Structure formats: structure tokens, C-alpha cells
């Protein structure tokens, strides 16, 4: 059943996904000659190159983690905590599609970004599961209070 809350979550996830696409595939030019290995994330050599993992700004890695964290939260709240594994797979696939699209564009396709984005989705799923557990506990407590109040009037 599509409740109002699910509709809001679906809309929020759609809008946030659009924002991610704009930020990662938008018109901002990042690639300079020689700044990306041919093939980007599709190149095994790029994954195995030590420089891939030892160069770059750590703040960018953290920003990529933070970019996908809200996506993971929204997705797990929309799809439910039982489908957490699907949200993780979808987050990794979404990030991989972005990185592949960046290969032919003016952006940089980087394995670190794929790893950071996936970690952000993992963090988002964990936060979403905590939010769901807490709201479920609050609903159960409110329901128990309601039953006690109704029983008092019998």
C-alpha cells in the first residue's frame, strides 16, 4: 500500500537521486589532460595502481561518503529494513553507473569514488535501520499506552 509517508520518501529519494546526478555528471569540468587513467573504474590497472589509493584529497573521499549517506537512509526507509541488502546493491550499482558515465564526459571516473559512495550507502542503511527501529519502538509503546487507556474505560 502506498501511504503518504511512502510517497514522500519516494519523492525525496527521486529528488535526491537527481541532485546526485547533477553534482556528479553536471557541467562542472574536472578532467584535465592526464588526470584520469584510460578506462577509469573499468580499468583493472587503475584499481591495482597504488597511486589510485594513495593520492588525492581525503576530504573528497569523505564528501563522497556523505553524498550517498542520505540516499541510503531514504532508500532503506522507503523499501524497508528487510531489503537492506537490495539498497546496498542498488547504491553500489547507482555509483558504478555514475562512474562509467564519467569516463566519456568531462568528469573523473575514480575507483575511490565508487568505494566512498558505496560506504556512504552502507552508512545510510545503518542510520535508516536505526531510525526505523526507533520509530517502530515508539509506535509499539504508543499502541500499548492506547490499549491501557482504553482498558481503563471498560
Protein backbone atom coordinates (compact mmCIF):
# COMPACT_ATOMS: atom_id res chain seq x y z
CA UNK A 1 0.00 0.00 0.00
CA UNK A 2 1.32 3.41 -0.97
CA UNK A 3 0.89 5.60 2.09
CA UNK A 4 1.52 9.31 2.25
CA UNK A 5 4.79 8.67 4.10
CA UNK A 6 5.99 6.28 1.36
CA UNK A 7 5.02 8.80 -1.30
CA UNK A 8 7.06 11.47 0.46
CA UNK A 9 10.02 9.09 0.81
CA UNK A 10 9.78 8.07 -2.86
CA UNK A 11 9.67 11.72 -3.92
CA UNK A 12 12.57 12.60 -1.65
CA UNK A 13 14.63 9.69 -2.96
CA UNK A 14 13.87 10.67 -6.55
CA UNK A 15 14.80 14.30 -5.96
CA UNK A 16 17.95 13.39 -4.07
CA UNK A 17 18.98 10.94 -6.80
CA UNK A 18 18.54 13.76 -9.31
CA UNK A 19 20.73 16.02 -7.17
CA UNK A 20 23.43 13.34 -7.05
CA UNK A 21 23.28 13.00 -10.84
CA UNK A 22 23.53 16.76 -11.25
CA UNK A 23 26.50 17.01 -8.88
CA UNK A 24 28.36 14.05 -10.36
CA UNK A 25 27.53 14.40 -14.06
CA UNK A 26 26.76 18.12 -14.31
CA UNK A 27 28.62 20.72 -16.31
CA UNK A 28 31.46 21.27 -13.83
CA UNK A 29 34.63 20.35 -15.68
CA UNK A 30 37.13 18.41 -13.60
CA UNK A 31 39.15 16.41 -16.05
CA UNK A 32 42.43 17.89 -17.12
CA UNK A 33 44.75 16.23 -19.62
CA UNK A 34 46.36 13.25 -17.91
CA UNK A 35 44.18 13.44 -14.79
CA UNK A 36 42.43 10.13 -15.40
CA UNK A 37 43.67 6.70 -16.32
CA UNK A 38 42.10 5.40 -19.53
CA UNK A 39 39.01 3.37 -18.70
CA UNK A 40 38.51 4.85 -15.22
CA UNK A 41 36.73 2.35 -12.95
CA UNK A 42 36.56 -0.17 -15.80
CA UNK A 43 40.35 -0.49 -15.89
CA UNK A 44 41.84 -3.21 -13.70
CA UNK A 45 45.16 -1.37 -13.89
CA UNK A 46 43.51 1.68 -12.28
CA UNK A 47 42.19 -0.46 -9.42
CA UNK A 48 45.60 -2.05 -8.87
CA UNK A 49 47.65 1.14 -9.23
CA UNK A 50 48.97 2.20 -5.83
CA UNK A 51 48.60 5.88 -6.79
CA UNK A 52 44.83 5.40 -7.09
CA UNK A 53 44.66 4.76 -3.35
CA UNK A 54 47.49 6.98 -2.07
CA UNK A 55 46.96 10.25 -3.94
CA UNK A 56 44.09 12.67 -3.78
CA UNK A 57 42.41 14.69 -1.09
CA UNK A 58 40.86 12.75 1.81
CA UNK A 59 38.16 15.43 2.12
CA UNK A 60 36.89 14.42 -1.31
CA UNK A 61 36.56 10.81 -0.14
CA UNK A 62 34.60 11.94 2.91
CA UNK A 63 32.40 14.19 0.74
CA UNK A 64 31.57 11.20 -1.46
CA UNK A 65 30.66 9.13 1.61
CA UNK A 66 28.43 11.96 2.85
CA UNK A 67 26.84 12.37 -0.60
CA UNK A 68 25.45 8.83 -0.61
CA UNK A 69 24.54 8.58 3.09
CA UNK A 70 21.16 10.36 2.77
CA UNK A 71 20.44 8.27 -0.33
CA UNK A 72 20.92 5.10 1.73
CA UNK A 73 18.73 6.42 4.55
CA UNK A 74 15.88 7.38 2.21
CA UNK A 75 16.10 4.13 0.24
CA UNK A 76 16.03 1.83 3.28
CA UNK A 77 13.16 3.78 4.87
CA UNK A 78 11.24 3.55 1.59
CA UNK A 79 11.94 -0.12 0.84
CA UNK A 80 12.05 -1.38 4.41
CA UNK A 81 14.79 -2.81 6.57
CA UNK A 82 14.23 -6.34 5.25
CA UNK A 83 15.53 -5.16 1.88
CA UNK A 84 18.69 -3.56 3.25
CA UNK A 85 20.84 -5.78 1.01
CA UNK A 86 18.93 -4.58 -2.05
CA UNK A 87 19.54 -0.95 -1.06
CA UNK A 88 23.26 -1.64 -0.71
CA UNK A 89 23.39 -3.34 -4.10
CA UNK A 90 21.39 -0.50 -5.66
CA UNK A 91 23.66 2.14 -4.11
CA UNK A 92 26.76 0.41 -5.46
CA UNK A 93 25.13 -0.03 -8.89
CA UNK A 94 23.99 3.62 -8.96
CA UNK A 95 27.52 4.75 -8.12
CA UNK A 96 29.04 2.41 -10.72
CA UNK A 97 26.72 3.78 -13.41
CA UNK A 98 27.78 7.32 -12.50
CA UNK A 99 31.47 6.38 -12.62
CA UNK A 100 31.02 4.69 -16.01
CA UNK A 101 29.17 7.75 -17.36
CA UNK A 102 32.05 9.94 -16.18
CA UNK A 103 34.57 8.05 -18.34
CA UNK A 104 33.44 9.68 -21.57
CA UNK A 105 32.47 13.03 -20.05
CA UNK A 106 34.40 15.88 -18.55
CA UNK A 107 34.46 14.31 -15.09
CA UNK A 108 36.91 11.87 -13.48
CA UNK A 109 35.98 8.20 -13.08
CA UNK A 110 37.79 7.01 -9.97
CA UNK A 111 37.63 3.71 -8.04
CA UNK A 112 37.93 5.68 -4.77
CA UNK A 113 34.67 7.45 -5.59
CA UNK A 114 32.91 4.13 -6.14
CA UNK A 115 34.20 2.81 -2.82
CA UNK A 116 33.33 6.04 -0.96
CA UNK A 117 29.83 6.22 -2.46
CA UNK A 118 29.17 2.59 -1.54
CA UNK A 119 30.42 3.22 2.01
CA UNK A 120 28.03 6.17 2.17
CA UNK A 121 25.15 3.91 1.15
CA UNK A 122 26.22 1.40 3.85
CA UNK A 123 26.27 4.16 6.46
CA UNK A 124 22.89 5.41 5.24
CA UNK A 125 21.38 1.93 5.52
CA UNK A 126 22.66 1.62 9.09
CA UNK A 127 21.23 5.02 10.02
CA UNK A 128 17.94 4.22 8.28
CA UNK A 129 17.67 0.92 10.15
CA UNK A 130 18.26 2.73 13.47
CA UNK A 131 15.58 5.30 12.58
CA UNK A 132 13.15 2.52 11.63
CA UNK A 133 13.84 0.56 14.82
CA UNK A 134 13.33 3.64 16.95
CA UNK A 135 10.09 4.67 15.25
CA UNK A 136 8.80 1.08 15.46
CA UNK A 137 9.52 1.02 19.20
CA UNK A 138 7.73 4.36 19.63
CA UNK A 139 4.69 3.07 17.69
CA UNK A 140 4.57 -0.09 19.82
CA UNK A 141 4.80 1.97 23.02
CA UNK A 142 2.04 4.33 21.84
CA UNK A 143 -0.14 1.37 20.89
CA UNK A 144 0.40 -0.22 24.32
CA UNK A 145 -0.45 3.08 26.03
CA UNK A 146 -3.61 3.30 23.93
CA UNK A 147 -4.68 -0.23 24.92
CA UNK A 148 -4.08 0.59 28.60
CA UNK A 149 -6.10 3.82 28.29
CA UNK A 150 -8.96 2.05 26.51
CA UNK A 151 -8.88 -0.77 29.08
CA UNK A 152 -9.20 1.77 31.88
CA UNK A 153 -12.55 2.89 30.45
CA UNK A 154 -14.01 -0.64 30.23
